[in-house]
PDB file of N, CA and C in Angstrom:
ATOM      1  N   UNK A   1      90.623 112.148  97.264  1.00  0.00           N
ATOM      2  CA  UNK A   1      91.204 110.844  96.954  1.00  0.00           C
ATOM      3  C   UNK A   1      92.285 111.027  95.896  1.00  0.00           C
ATOM      4  N   UNK A   2      93.408 110.403  96.136  1.00  0.00           N
ATOM      5  CA  UNK A   2      94.536 110.466  95.225  1.00  0.00           C
ATOM      6  C   UNK A   2      94.457 109.296  94.240  1.00  0.00           C
ATOM      7  N   UNK A   3      94.540 109.610  92.947  1.00  0.00           N
ATOM      8  CA  UNK A   3      94.550 108.570  91.909  1.00  0.00           C
ATOM      9  C   UNK A   3      95.923 108.587  91.248  1.00  0.00           C
ATOM     10  N   UNK A   4      96.667 107.532  91.460  1.00  0.00           N
ATOM     11  CA  UNK A   4      98.013 107.441  90.900  1.00  0.00           C
ATOM     12  C   UNK A   4      97.958 106.534  89.684  1.00  0.00           C
ATOM     13  N   UNK A   5      98.261 107.095  88.530  1.00  0.00           N
ATOM     14  CA  UNK A   5      98.272 106.306  87.309  1.00  0.00           C
ATOM     15  C   UNK A   5      97.075 106.517  86.408  1.00  0.00           C
ATOM     16  N   UNK A   6      96.193 107.458  86.757  1.00  0.00           N
ATOM     17  CA  UNK A   6      95.047 107.735  85.890  1.00  0.00           C
ATOM     18  C   UNK A   6      95.476 108.725  84.812  1.00  0.00           C
ATOM     19  N   UNK A   7      95.113 108.438  83.571  1.00  0.00           N
ATOM     20  CA  UNK A   7      95.569 109.229  82.428  1.00  0.00           C
ATOM     21  C   UNK A   7      95.116 110.684  82.456  1.00  0.00           C
ATOM     22  N   UNK A   8      94.051 111.005  83.152  1.00  0.00           N
ATOM     23  CA  UNK A   8      93.539 112.375  83.166  1.00  0.00           C
ATOM     24  C   UNK A   8      94.017 113.196  84.361  1.00  0.00           C
ATOM     25  N   UNK A   9      94.749 112.559  85.265  1.00  0.00           N
ATOM     26  CA  UNK A   9      95.146 113.235  86.496  1.00  0.00           C
ATOM     27  C   UNK A   9      96.667 113.187  86.635  1.00  0.00           C
ATOM     28  N   UNK A  10      97.314 114.355  86.781  1.00  0.00           N
ATOM     29  CA  UNK A  10      98.775 114.358  86.954  1.00  0.00           C
ATOM     30  C   UNK A  10      99.178 113.559  88.203  1.00  0.00           C
ATOM     31  N   UNK A  11     100.268 112.833  88.103  1.00  0.00           N
ATOM     32  CA  UNK A  11     100.734 112.025  89.227  1.00  0.00           C
ATOM     33  C   UNK A  11     102.242 111.828  89.137  1.00  0.00           C
ATOM     34  N   UNK A  12     102.834 111.495  90.262  1.00  0.00           N
ATOM     35  CA  UNK A  12     104.244 111.110  90.309  1.00  0.00           C
ATOM     36  C   UNK A  12     104.294 109.588  90.301  1.00  0.00           C
ATOM     37  N   UNK A  13     104.889 108.987  89.278  1.00  0.00           N
ATOM     38  CA  UNK A  13     104.919 107.524  89.208  1.00  0.00           C
ATOM     39  C   UNK A  13     105.852 106.927  90.257  1.00  0.00           C
ATOM     40  N   UNK A  14     105.633 105.665  90.542  1.00  0.00           N
ATOM     41  CA  UNK A  14     106.466 104.932  91.484  1.00  0.00           C
ATOM     42  C   UNK A  14     107.411 104.023  90.707  1.00  0.00           C
ATOM     43  N   UNK A  15     108.634 103.904  91.207  1.00  0.00           N
ATOM     44  CA  UNK A  15     109.655 103.075  90.565  1.00  0.00           C
ATOM     45  C   UNK A  15     109.964 101.879  91.458  1.00  0.00           C
ATOM     46  N   UNK A  16     109.502 100.681  91.089  1.00  0.00           N
ATOM     47  CA  UNK A  16     109.748  99.511  91.933  1.00  0.00           C
ATOM     48  C   UNK A  16     111.227  99.130  91.958  1.00  0.00           C
ATOM     49  N   UNK A  17     111.707  98.815  93.145  1.00  0.00           N
ATOM     50  CA  UNK A  17     113.094  98.373  93.314  1.00  0.00           C
ATOM     51  C   UNK A  17     113.110  97.135  94.202  1.00  0.00           C
ATOM     52  N   UNK A  18     114.203  96.389  94.110  1.00  0.00           N
ATOM     53  CA  UNK A  18     114.395  95.211  94.953  1.00  0.00           C
ATOM     54  C   UNK A  18     115.675  95.290  95.773  1.00  0.00           C
ATOM     55  N   UNK A  19     116.545  96.271  95.449  1.00  0.00           N
ATOM     56  CA  UNK A  19     117.837  96.337  96.133  1.00  0.00           C
ATOM     57  C   UNK A  19     118.330  97.777  96.213  1.00  0.00           C
ATOM     58  N   UNK A  20     119.340  97.983  97.053  1.00  0.00           N
ATOM     59  CA  UNK A  20     119.960  99.303  97.166  1.00  0.00           C
ATOM     60  C   UNK A  20     120.549  99.746  95.835  1.00  0.00           C
ATOM     61  N   UNK A  21     121.168  98.825  95.117  1.00  0.00           N
ATOM     62  CA  UNK A  21     121.801  99.168  93.840  1.00  0.00           C
ATOM     63  C   UNK A  21     120.799  99.736  92.842  1.00  0.00           C
ATOM     64  N   UNK A  22     119.584  99.242  92.872  1.00  0.00           N
ATOM     65  CA  UNK A  22     118.581  99.716  91.909  1.00  0.00           C
ATOM     66  C   UNK A  22     118.137 101.153  92.181  1.00  0.00           C
ATOM     67  N   UNK A  23     118.285 101.612  93.406  1.00  0.00           N
ATOM     68  CA  UNK A  23     117.892 102.992  93.720  1.00  0.00           C
ATOM     69  C   UNK A  23     118.667 103.972  92.852  1.00  0.00           C
ATOM     70  N   UNK A  24     119.957 103.715  92.654  1.00  0.00           N
ATOM     71  CA  UNK A  24     120.786 104.634  91.865  1.00  0.00           C
ATOM     72  C   UNK A  24     120.389 104.654  90.390  1.00  0.00           C
ATOM     73  N   UNK A  25     119.632 103.665  89.947  1.00  0.00           N
ATOM     74  CA  UNK A  25     119.208 103.601  88.548  1.00  0.00           C
ATOM     75  C   UNK A  25     117.884 104.322  88.291  1.00  0.00           C
ATOM     76  N   UNK A  26     117.231 104.786  89.346  1.00  0.00           N
ATOM     77  CA  UNK A  26     115.956 105.495  89.184  1.00  0.00           C
ATOM     78  C   UNK A  26     116.217 106.986  89.014  1.00  0.00           C
ATOM     79  N   UNK A  27     115.291 107.711  88.388  1.00  0.00           N
ATOM     80  CA  UNK A  27     115.484 109.153  88.211  1.00  0.00           C
ATOM     81  C   UNK A  27     115.593 109.882  89.551  1.00  0.00           C
ATOM     82  N   UNK A  28     116.364 110.940  89.541  1.00  0.00           N
ATOM     83  CA  UNK A  28     116.503 111.777  90.736  1.00  0.00           C
ATOM     84  C   UNK A  28     115.122 112.298  91.134  1.00  0.00           C
ATOM     85  N   UNK A  29     114.862 112.374  92.413  1.00  0.00           N
ATOM     86  CA  UNK A  29     113.598 112.868  92.967  1.00  0.00           C
ATOM     87  C   UNK A  29     112.401 111.973  92.653  1.00  0.00           C
ATOM     88  N   UNK A  30     112.647 110.733  92.255  1.00  0.00           N
ATOM     89  CA  UNK A  30     111.528 109.817  92.029  1.00  0.00           C
ATOM     90  C   UNK A  30     111.114 109.193  93.362  1.00  0.00           C
ATOM     91  N   UNK A  31     109.980 108.533  93.356  1.00  0.00           N
ATOM     92  CA  UNK A  31     109.511 107.800  94.528  1.00  0.00           C
ATOM     93  C   UNK A  31     109.762 106.324  94.251  1.00  0.00           C
ATOM     94  N   UNK A  32     110.616 105.709  95.070  1.00  0.00           N
ATOM     95  CA  UNK A  32     110.894 104.286  94.890  1.00  0.00           C
ATOM     96  C   UNK A  32     109.866 103.471  95.667  1.00  0.00           C
ATOM     97  N   UNK A  33     109.568 102.304  95.156  1.00  0.00           N
ATOM     98  CA  UNK A  33     108.548 101.426  95.731  1.00  0.00           C
ATOM     99  C   UNK A  33     109.172 100.067  96.020  1.00  0.00           C
ATOM    100  N   UNK A  34     108.956  99.567  97.233  1.00  0.00           N
ATOM    101  CA  UNK A  34     109.489  98.253  97.568  1.00  0.00           C
ATOM    102  C   UNK A  34     108.676  97.606  98.679  1.00  0.00           C
ATOM    103  N   UNK A  35     108.853  96.280  98.787  1.00  0.00           N
ATOM    104  CA  UNK A  35     108.254  95.533  99.890  1.00  0.00           C
ATOM    105  C   UNK A  35     108.908  96.019 101.179  1.00  0.00           C
ATOM    106  N   UNK A  36     108.152  96.009 102.263  1.00  0.00           N
ATOM    107  CA  UNK A  36     108.680  96.431 103.559  1.00  0.00           C
ATOM    108  C   UNK A  36     110.029  95.764 103.805  1.00  0.00           C
ATOM    109  N   UNK A  37     111.062  96.587 104.012  1.00  0.00           N
ATOM    110  CA  UNK A  37     112.424  96.092 104.194  1.00  0.00           C
ATOM    111  C   UNK A  37     113.178  97.117 105.038  1.00  0.00           C
ATOM    112  N   UNK A  38     113.491  96.800 106.296  1.00  0.00           N
ATOM    113  CA  UNK A  38     114.156  97.771 107.167  1.00  0.00           C
ATOM    114  C   UNK A  38     115.445  98.358 106.587  1.00  0.00           C
ATOM    115  N   UNK A  39     116.246  97.551 105.880  1.00  0.00           N
ATOM    116  CA  UNK A  39     117.493  98.068 105.305  1.00  0.00           C
ATOM    117  C   UNK A  39     117.227  99.112 104.227  1.00  0.00           C
ATOM    118  N   UNK A  40     116.262  98.843 103.358  1.00  0.00           N
ATOM    119  CA  UNK A  40     115.933  99.815 102.314  1.00  0.00           C
ATOM    120  C   UNK A  40     115.303 101.068 102.914  1.00  0.00           C
ATOM    121  N   UNK A  41     114.460 100.898 103.925  1.00  0.00           N
ATOM    122  CA  UNK A  41     113.857 102.057 104.597  1.00  0.00           C
ATOM    123  C   UNK A  41     114.954 102.922 105.200  1.00  0.00           C
ATOM    124  N   UNK A  42     115.871 102.299 105.911  1.00  0.00           N
ATOM    125  CA  UNK A  42     116.969 103.029 106.541  1.00  0.00           C
ATOM    126  C   UNK A  42     117.764 103.809 105.493  1.00  0.00           C
ATOM    127  N   UNK A  43     118.113 103.155 104.399  1.00  0.00           N
ATOM    128  CA  UNK A  43     118.887 103.817 103.342  1.00  0.00           C
ATOM    129  C   UNK A  43     118.125 105.018 102.773  1.00  0.00           C
ATOM    130  N   UNK A  44     116.849 104.844 102.508  1.00  0.00           N
ATOM    131  CA  UNK A  44     116.050 105.950 101.962  1.00  0.00           C
ATOM    132  C   UNK A  44     115.983 107.114 102.944  1.00  0.00           C
ATOM    133  N   UNK A  45     115.790 106.816 104.207  1.00  0.00           N
ATOM    134  CA  UNK A  45     115.745 107.879 105.225  1.00  0.00           C
ATOM    135  C   UNK A  45     117.073 108.623 105.286  1.00  0.00           C
ATOM    136  N   UNK A  46     118.163 107.890 105.347  1.00  0.00           N
ATOM    137  CA  UNK A  46     119.493 108.494 105.469  1.00  0.00           C
ATOM    138  C   UNK A  46     119.862 109.344 104.256  1.00  0.00           C
ATOM    139  N   UNK A  47     119.321 108.989 103.097  1.00  0.00           N
ATOM    140  CA  UNK A  47     119.670 109.692 101.857  1.00  0.00           C
ATOM    141  C   UNK A  47     118.543 110.573 101.328  1.00  0.00           C
ATOM    142  N   UNK A  48     117.531 110.780 102.152  1.00  0.00           N
ATOM    143  CA  UNK A  48     116.390 111.636 101.805  1.00  0.00           C
ATOM    144  C   UNK A  48     115.762 111.253 100.467  1.00  0.00           C
ATOM    145  N   UNK A  49     115.530 109.958 100.301  1.00  0.00           N
ATOM    146  CA  UNK A  49     114.900 109.419  99.095  1.00  0.00           C
ATOM    147  C   UNK A  49     113.441 109.130  99.421  1.00  0.00           C
ATOM    148  N   UNK A  50     112.540 109.661  98.610  1.00  0.00           N
ATOM    149  CA  UNK A  50     111.110 109.410  98.817  1.00  0.00           C
ATOM    150  C   UNK A  50     110.805 107.951  98.504  1.00  0.00           C
ATOM    151  N   UNK A  51     109.974 107.337  99.351  1.00  0.00           N
ATOM    152  CA  UNK A  51     109.668 105.930  99.133  1.00  0.00           C
ATOM    153  C   UNK A  51     108.223 105.595  99.477  1.00  0.00           C
ATOM    154  N   UNK A  52     107.750 104.536  98.820  1.00  0.00           N
ATOM    155  CA  UNK A  52     106.434 103.950  99.074  1.00  0.00           C
ATOM    156  C   UNK A  52     106.675 102.492  99.438  1.00  0.00           C
ATOM    157  N   UNK A  53     105.795 101.953 100.275  1.00  0.00           N
ATOM    158  CA  UNK A  53     105.974 100.586 100.754  1.00  0.00           C
ATOM    159  C   UNK A  53     104.764  99.713 100.478  1.00  0.00           C
ATOM    160  N   UNK A  54     105.024  98.474 100.088  1.00  0.00           N
ATOM    161  CA  UNK A  54     104.009  97.427 100.142  1.00  0.00           C
ATOM    162  C   UNK A  54     104.070  96.904 101.571  1.00  0.00           C
ATOM    163  N   UNK A  55     102.964  96.972 102.291  1.00  0.00           N
ATOM    164  CA  UNK A  55     102.941  96.465 103.667  1.00  0.00           C
ATOM    165  C   UNK A  55     101.964  95.303 103.758  1.00  0.00           C
ATOM    166  N   UNK A  56     102.277  94.354 104.635  1.00  0.00           N
ATOM    167  CA  UNK A  56     101.435  93.163 104.736  1.00  0.00           C
ATOM    168  C   UNK A  56     100.737  93.025 106.084  1.00  0.00           C
ATOM    169  N   UNK A  57     100.997  93.967 106.996  1.00  0.00           N
ATOM    170  CA  UNK A  57     100.305  93.935 108.282  1.00  0.00           C
ATOM    171  C   UNK A  57     100.305  95.324 108.915  1.00  0.00           C
ATOM    172  N   UNK A  58      99.550  95.463 109.982  1.00  0.00           N
ATOM    173  CA  UNK A  58      99.391  96.752 110.650  1.00  0.00           C
ATOM    174  C   UNK A  58     100.715  97.277 111.182  1.00  0.00           C
ATOM    175  N   UNK A  59     101.510  96.415 111.765  1.00  0.00           N
ATOM    176  CA  UNK A  59     102.795  96.841 112.328  1.00  0.00           C
ATOM    177  C   UNK A  59     103.679  97.465 111.259  1.00  0.00           C
ATOM    178  N   UNK A  60     103.777  96.820 110.092  1.00  0.00           N
ATOM    179  CA  UNK A  60     104.580  97.385 109.003  1.00  0.00           C
ATOM    180  C   UNK A  60     104.038  98.741 108.577  1.00  0.00           C
ATOM    181  N   UNK A  61     102.723  98.879 108.548  1.00  0.00           N
ATOM    182  CA  UNK A  61     102.121 100.152 108.176  1.00  0.00           C
ATOM    183  C   UNK A  61     102.448 101.259 109.159  1.00  0.00           C
ATOM    184  N   UNK A  62     102.351 100.964 110.442  1.00  0.00           N
ATOM    185  CA  UNK A  62     102.649 101.970 111.467  1.00  0.00           C
ATOM    186  C   UNK A  62     104.127 102.354 111.429  1.00  0.00           C
ATOM    187  N   UNK A  63     104.998 101.354 111.332  1.00  0.00           N
ATOM    188  CA  UNK A  63     106.432 101.643 111.254  1.00  0.00           C
ATOM    189  C   UNK A  63     106.751 102.394 109.964  1.00  0.00           C
ATOM    190  N   UNK A  64     106.175 101.961 108.849  1.00  0.00           N
ATOM    191  CA  UNK A  64     106.413 102.636 107.576  1.00  0.00           C
ATOM    192  C   UNK A  64     106.027 104.101 107.626  1.00  0.00           C
ATOM    193  N   UNK A  65     104.880 104.399 108.217  1.00  0.00           N
ATOM    194  CA  UNK A  65     104.469 105.791 108.357  1.00  0.00           C
ATOM    195  C   UNK A  65     105.470 106.555 109.220  1.00  0.00           C
ATOM    196  N   UNK A  66     105.832 105.992 110.357  1.00  0.00           N
ATOM    197  CA  UNK A  66     106.773 106.658 111.245  1.00  0.00           C
ATOM    198  C   UNK A  66     108.140 106.867 110.618  1.00  0.00           C
ATOM    199  N   UNK A  67     108.520 105.965 109.718  1.00  0.00           N
ATOM    200  CA  UNK A  67     109.819 106.053 109.050  1.00  0.00           C
ATOM    201  C   UNK A  67     109.813 107.033 107.886  1.00  0.00           C
ATOM    202  N   UNK A  68     108.630 107.519 107.508  1.00  0.00           N
ATOM    203  CA  UNK A  68     108.571 108.533 106.466  1.00  0.00           C
ATOM    204  C   UNK A  68     108.099 108.090 105.100  1.00  0.00           C
ATOM    205  N   UNK A  69     107.499 106.910 104.998  1.00  0.00           N
ATOM    206  CA  UNK A  69     106.965 106.484 103.696  1.00  0.00           C
ATOM    207  C   UNK A  69     105.920 107.488 103.218  1.00  0.00           C
ATOM    208  N   UNK A  70     105.918 107.753 101.933  1.00  0.00           N
ATOM    209  CA  UNK A  70     104.911 108.640 101.340  1.00  0.00           C
ATOM    210  C   UNK A  70     103.589 107.907 101.153  1.00  0.00           C
ATOM    211  N   UNK A  71     103.681 106.621 100.794  1.00  0.00           N
ATOM    212  CA  UNK A  71     102.494 105.821 100.491  1.00  0.00           C
ATOM    213  C   UNK A  71     102.662 104.432 101.102  1.00  0.00           C
ATOM    214  N   UNK A  72     101.594 103.946 101.715  1.00  0.00           N
ATOM    215  CA  UNK A  72     101.546 102.585 102.247  1.00  0.00           C
ATOM    216  C   UNK A  72     100.546 101.806 101.404  1.00  0.00           C
ATOM    217  N   UNK A  73     101.018 100.833 100.648  1.00  0.00           N
ATOM    218  CA  UNK A  73     100.164 100.063  99.753  1.00  0.00           C
ATOM    219  C   UNK A  73      99.812  98.746 100.431  1.00  0.00           C
ATOM    220  N   UNK A  74      98.510  98.462 100.492  1.00  0.00           N
ATOM    221  CA  UNK A  74      98.043  97.285 101.215  1.00  0.00           C
ATOM    222  C   UNK A  74      96.869  96.646 100.491  1.00  0.00           C
ATOM    223  N   UNK A  75      96.530  95.433 100.917  1.00  0.00           N
ATOM    224  CA  UNK A  75      95.311  94.791 100.424  1.00  0.00           C
ATOM    225  C   UNK A  75      94.125  95.637 100.881  1.00  0.00           C
ATOM    226  N   UNK A  76      92.975  95.438 100.274  1.00  0.00           N
ATOM    227  CA  UNK A  76      91.797  96.227 100.641  1.00  0.00           C
ATOM    228  C   UNK A  76      91.466  96.079 102.120  1.00  0.00           C
ATOM    229  N   UNK A  77      91.458  94.855 102.626  1.00  0.00           N
ATOM    230  CA  UNK A  77      91.092  94.660 104.034  1.00  0.00           C
ATOM    231  C   UNK A  77      92.092  95.334 104.971  1.00  0.00           C
ATOM    232  N   UNK A  78      93.372  95.231 104.676  1.00  0.00           N
ATOM    233  CA  UNK A  78      94.377  95.890 105.507  1.00  0.00           C
ATOM    234  C   UNK A  78      94.311  97.404 105.331  1.00  0.00           C
ATOM    235  N   UNK A  79      94.063  97.860 104.115  1.00  0.00           N
ATOM    236  CA  UNK A  79      93.963  99.304 103.868  1.00  0.00           C
ATOM    237  C   UNK A  79      92.823  99.925 104.674  1.00  0.00           C
ATOM    238  N   UNK A  80      91.707  99.226 104.777  1.00  0.00           N
ATOM    239  CA  UNK A  80      90.579  99.732 105.570  1.00  0.00           C
ATOM    240  C   UNK A  80      91.013  99.900 107.027  1.00  0.00           C
ATOM    241  N   UNK A  81      91.715  98.912 107.548  1.00  0.00           N
ATOM    242  CA  UNK A  81      92.211  98.973 108.929  1.00  0.00           C
ATOM    243  C   UNK A  81      93.239 100.094 109.097  1.00  0.00           C
ATOM    244  N   UNK A  82      94.198 100.169 108.169  1.00  0.00           N
ATOM    245  CA  UNK A  82      95.225 101.207 108.245  1.00  0.00           C
ATOM    246  C   UNK A  82      94.635 102.603 108.111  1.00  0.00           C
ATOM    247  N   UNK A  83      93.608 102.744 107.268  1.00  0.00           N
ATOM    248  CA  UNK A  83      92.998 104.056 107.073  1.00  0.00           C
ATOM    249  C   UNK A  83      92.393 104.572 108.378  1.00  0.00           C
ATOM    250  N   UNK A  84      91.769 103.686 109.136  1.00  0.00           N
ATOM    251  CA  UNK A  84      91.216 104.092 110.439  1.00  0.00           C
ATOM    252  C   UNK A  84      92.326 104.566 111.367  1.00  0.00           C
ATOM    253  N   UNK A  85      93.431 103.832 111.383  1.00  0.00           N
ATOM    254  CA  UNK A  85      94.572 104.239 112.204  1.00  0.00           C
ATOM    255  C   UNK A  85      95.168 105.550 111.704  1.00  0.00           C
ATOM    256  N   UNK A  86      95.244 105.696 110.391  1.00  0.00           N
ATOM    257  CA  UNK A  86      95.799 106.914 109.803  1.00  0.00           C
ATOM    258  C   UNK A  86      94.991 108.141 110.208  1.00  0.00           C
ATOM    259  N   UNK A  87      93.690 107.999 110.238  1.00  0.00           N
ATOM    260  CA  UNK A  87      92.836 109.120 110.629  1.00  0.00           C
ATOM    261  C   UNK A  87      92.945 109.402 112.124  1.00  0.00           C
ATOM    262  N   UNK A  88      93.035 108.361 112.922  1.00  0.00           N
ATOM    263  CA  UNK A  88      93.137 108.539 114.374  1.00  0.00           C
ATOM    264  C   UNK A  88      94.489 109.134 114.772  1.00  0.00           C
ATOM    265  N   UNK A  89      95.557 108.614 114.177  1.00  0.00           N
ATOM    266  CA  UNK A  89      96.906 109.040 114.539  1.00  0.00           C
ATOM    267  C   UNK A  89      97.493 110.084 113.587  1.00  0.00           C
ATOM    268  N   UNK A  90      96.706 110.540 112.627  1.00  0.00           N
ATOM    269  CA  UNK A  90      97.129 111.578 111.680  1.00  0.00           C
ATOM    270  C   UNK A  90      98.415 111.203 110.941  1.00  0.00           C
ATOM    271  N   UNK A  91      98.384 110.045 110.290  1.00  0.00           N
ATOM    272  CA  UNK A  91      99.524 109.598 109.486  1.00  0.00           C
ATOM    273  C   UNK A  91      99.882 110.650 108.440  1.00  0.00           C
ATOM    274  N   UNK A  92     101.168 110.786 108.170  1.00  0.00           N
ATOM    275  CA  UNK A  92     101.616 111.593 107.040  1.00  0.00           C
ATOM    276  C   UNK A  92     101.525 110.783 105.749  1.00  0.00           C
ATOM    277  N   UNK A  93     101.717 109.473 105.844  1.00  0.00           N
ATOM    278  CA  UNK A  93     101.657 108.603 104.667  1.00  0.00           C
ATOM    279  C   UNK A  93     100.218 108.469 104.181  1.00  0.00           C
ATOM    280  N   UNK A  94     100.072 108.289 102.881  1.00  0.00           N
ATOM    281  CA  UNK A  94      98.771 107.989 102.284  1.00  0.00           C
ATOM    282  C   UNK A  94      98.601 106.474 102.245  1.00  0.00           C
ATOM    283  N   UNK A  95      97.416 106.017 102.571  1.00  0.00           N
ATOM    284  CA  UNK A  95      97.089 104.594 102.490  1.00  0.00           C
ATOM    285  C   UNK A  95      96.516 104.343 101.096  1.00  0.00           C
ATOM    286  N   UNK A  96      97.008 103.311 100.421  1.00  0.00           N
ATOM    287  CA  UNK A  96      96.585 103.047  99.045  1.00  0.00           C
ATOM    288  C   UNK A  96      96.329 101.565  98.808  1.00  0.00           C
ATOM    289  N   UNK A  97      95.497 101.303  97.815  1.00  0.00           N
ATOM    290  CA  UNK A  97      95.301  99.950  97.306  1.00  0.00           C
ATOM    291  C   UNK A  97      95.607  99.966  95.814  1.00  0.00           C
ATOM    292  N   UNK A  98      95.969  98.807  95.291  1.00  0.00           N
ATOM    293  CA  UNK A  98      96.258  98.657  93.869  1.00  0.00           C
ATOM    294  C   UNK A  98      95.041  98.038  93.201  1.00  0.00           C
ATOM    295  N   UNK A  99      94.689  98.554  92.031  1.00  0.00           N
ATOM    296  CA  UNK A  99      93.591  97.985  91.248  1.00  0.00           C
ATOM    297  C   UNK A  99      93.965  98.025  89.777  1.00  0.00           C
ATOM    298  N   UNK A 100      93.429  97.086  89.023  1.00  0.00           N
ATOM    299  CA  UNK A 100      93.731  97.009  87.596  1.00  0.00           C
ATOM    300  C   UNK A 100      92.892  97.956  86.750  1.00  0.00           C
ATOM    301  N   UNK A 101      91.752  98.386  87.263  1.00  0.00           N
ATOM    302  CA  UNK A 101      90.842  99.198  86.458  1.00  0.00           C
ATOM    303  C   UNK A 101      90.282 100.359  87.261  1.00  0.00           C
ATOM    304  N   UNK A 102      89.909 101.416  86.552  1.00  0.00           N
ATOM    305  CA  UNK A 102      89.351 102.579  87.229  1.00  0.00           C
ATOM    306  C   UNK A 102      87.976 102.304  87.821  1.00  0.00           C
ATOM    307  N   UNK A 103      87.367 101.202  87.455  1.00  0.00           N
ATOM    308  CA  UNK A 103      86.071 100.851  88.042  1.00  0.00           C
ATOM    309  C   UNK A 103      86.182 100.631  89.552  1.00  0.00           C
ATOM    310  N   UNK A 104      87.394 100.440  90.064  1.00  0.00           N
ATOM    311  CA  UNK A 104      87.608 100.247  91.505  1.00  0.00           C
ATOM    312  C   UNK A 104      87.546 101.556  92.284  1.00  0.00           C
ATOM    313  N   UNK A 105      87.534 102.681  91.588  1.00  0.00           N
ATOM    314  CA  UNK A 105      87.557 103.979  92.268  1.00  0.00           C
ATOM    315  C   UNK A 105      86.424 104.107  93.271  1.00  0.00           C
ATOM    316  N   UNK A 106      85.206 103.786  92.870  1.00  0.00           N
ATOM    317  CA  UNK A 106      84.068 103.967  93.771  1.00  0.00           C
ATOM    318  C   UNK A 106      84.158 103.059  94.992  1.00  0.00           C
ATOM    319  N   UNK A 107      84.634 101.835  94.818  1.00  0.00           N
ATOM    320  CA  UNK A 107      84.775 100.914  95.953  1.00  0.00           C
ATOM    321  C   UNK A 107      85.811 101.430  96.947  1.00  0.00           C
ATOM    322  N   UNK A 108      86.933 101.894  96.435  1.00  0.00           N
ATOM    323  CA  UNK A 108      87.986 102.423  97.301  1.00  0.00           C
ATOM    324  C   UNK A 108      87.496 103.691  97.999  1.00  0.00           C
ATOM    325  N   UNK A 109      86.815 104.552  97.267  1.00  0.00           N
ATOM    326  CA  UNK A 109      86.283 105.789  97.850  1.00  0.00           C
ATOM    327  C   UNK A 109      85.242 105.493  98.922  1.00  0.00           C
ATOM    328  N   UNK A 110      84.414 104.489  98.691  1.00  0.00           N
ATOM    329  CA  UNK A 110      83.372 104.115  99.646  1.00  0.00           C
ATOM    330  C   UNK A 110      83.970 103.781 101.015  1.00  0.00           C
ATOM    331  N   UNK A 111      85.170 103.228 101.012  1.00  0.00           N
ATOM    332  CA  UNK A 111      85.835 102.859 102.261  1.00  0.00           C
ATOM    333  C   UNK A 111      86.717 103.983 102.806  1.00  0.00           C
ATOM    334  N   UNK A 112      86.753 105.116 102.108  1.00  0.00           N
ATOM    335  CA  UNK A 112      87.519 106.258 102.596  1.00  0.00           C
ATOM    336  C   UNK A 112      89.023 106.096 102.502  1.00  0.00           C
ATOM    337  N   UNK A 113      89.480 105.204 101.632  1.00  0.00           N
ATOM    338  CA  UNK A 113      90.916 104.981 101.457  1.00  0.00           C
ATOM    339  C   UNK A 113      91.517 106.200 100.752  1.00  0.00           C
ATOM    340  N   UNK A 114      92.712 106.611 101.192  1.00  0.00           N
ATOM    341  CA  UNK A 114      93.356 107.812 100.661  1.00  0.00           C
ATOM    342  C   UNK A 114      93.624 107.764  99.165  1.00  0.00           C
ATOM    343  N   UNK A 115      94.061 106.603  98.656  1.00  0.00           N
ATOM    344  CA  UNK A 115      94.568 106.574  97.287  1.00  0.00           C
ATOM    345  C   UNK A 115      94.304 105.240  96.595  1.00  0.00           C
ATOM    346  N   UNK A 116      94.233 105.329  95.272  1.00  0.00           N
ATOM    347  CA  UNK A 116      94.130 104.153  94.409  1.00  0.00           C
ATOM    348  C   UNK A 116      95.307 104.201  93.451  1.00  0.00           C
ATOM    349  N   UNK A 117      96.025 103.105  93.367  1.00  0.00           N
ATOM    350  CA  UNK A 117      97.175 102.999  92.482  1.00  0.00           C
ATOM    351  C   UNK A 117      96.805 102.107  91.305  1.00  0.00           C
ATOM    352  N   UNK A 118      96.774 102.704  90.124  1.00  0.00           N
ATOM    353  CA  UNK A 118      96.493 101.966  88.891  1.00  0.00           C
ATOM    354  C   UNK A 118      97.810 101.506  88.271  1.00  0.00           C
ATOM    355  N   UNK A 119      97.787 100.497  87.401  1.00  0.00           N
ATOM    356  CA  UNK A 119      99.028  99.953  86.831  1.00  0.00           C
ATOM    357  C   UNK A 119      99.936 101.000  86.181  1.00  0.00           C
ATOM    358  N   UNK A 120      99.351 102.005  85.553  1.00  0.00           N
ATOM    359  CA  UNK A 120     100.149 103.032  84.884  1.00  0.00           C
ATOM    360  C   UNK A 120     100.923 103.894  85.869  1.00  0.00           C
ATOM    361  N   UNK A 121     100.601 103.797  87.148  1.00  0.00           N
ATOM    362  CA  UNK A 121     101.298 104.568  88.175  1.00  0.00           C
ATOM    363  C   UNK A 121     102.609 103.940  88.617  1.00  0.00           C
ATOM    364  N   UNK A 122     102.858 102.720  88.147  1.00  0.00           N
ATOM    365  CA  UNK A 122     104.106 102.030  88.466  1.00  0.00           C
ATOM    366  C   UNK A 122     104.904 101.892  87.175  1.00  0.00           C
ATOM    367  N   UNK A 123     106.078 102.475  87.156  1.00  0.00           N
ATOM    368  CA  UNK A 123     106.915 102.469  85.961  1.00  0.00           C
ATOM    369  C   UNK A 123     107.641 101.132  85.830  1.00  0.00           C
ATOM    370  N   UNK A 124     107.488 100.480  84.690  1.00  0.00           N
ATOM    371  CA  UNK A 124     108.235  99.249  84.401  1.00  0.00           C
ATOM    372  C   UNK A 124     109.532  99.657  83.730  1.00  0.00           C
ATOM    373  N   UNK A 125     110.571  99.780  84.500  1.00  0.00           N
ATOM    374  CA  UNK A 125     111.834 100.299  83.973  1.00  0.00           C
ATOM    375  C   UNK A 125     112.933  99.245  83.890  1.00  0.00           C
ATOM    376  N   UNK A 126     112.715  98.106  84.507  1.00  0.00           N
ATOM    377  CA  UNK A 126     113.746  97.060  84.486  1.00  0.00           C
ATOM    378  C   UNK A 126     113.608  96.219  83.224  1.00  0.00           C
ATOM    379  N   UNK A 127     114.756  95.785  82.685  1.00  0.00           N
ATOM    380  CA  UNK A 127     114.673  94.949  81.484  1.00  0.00           C
ATOM    381  C   UNK A 127     114.626  93.493  81.801  1.00  0.00           C
TER     382      UNK A 127
END
């Protein structure tokens, strides 16, 4: 299980963006994070930029994986569904849920979800 944002475990933080312009403001080789957006996905693919997606349904998750997302972030119920698909279809993307506390680790692990994203795993870089 991947823990993103836990103080005792090395991780690559995610940089939330809302637009193409913000990508240029993130550190080189960082992983940008955004809501499912075909234009941003296309730009990241064309420019070999690592990205993570917030997905709100199965279709977005499947497309996001096929498009090369490193991480698919979903609600717990959707993550459980996506994780089954990920195992069946051998997704390259990791399925993740967001939680405020490390106490969620056991619940996420119980469902076999690939990753847990804690608040410290998302860099607040915008002013």
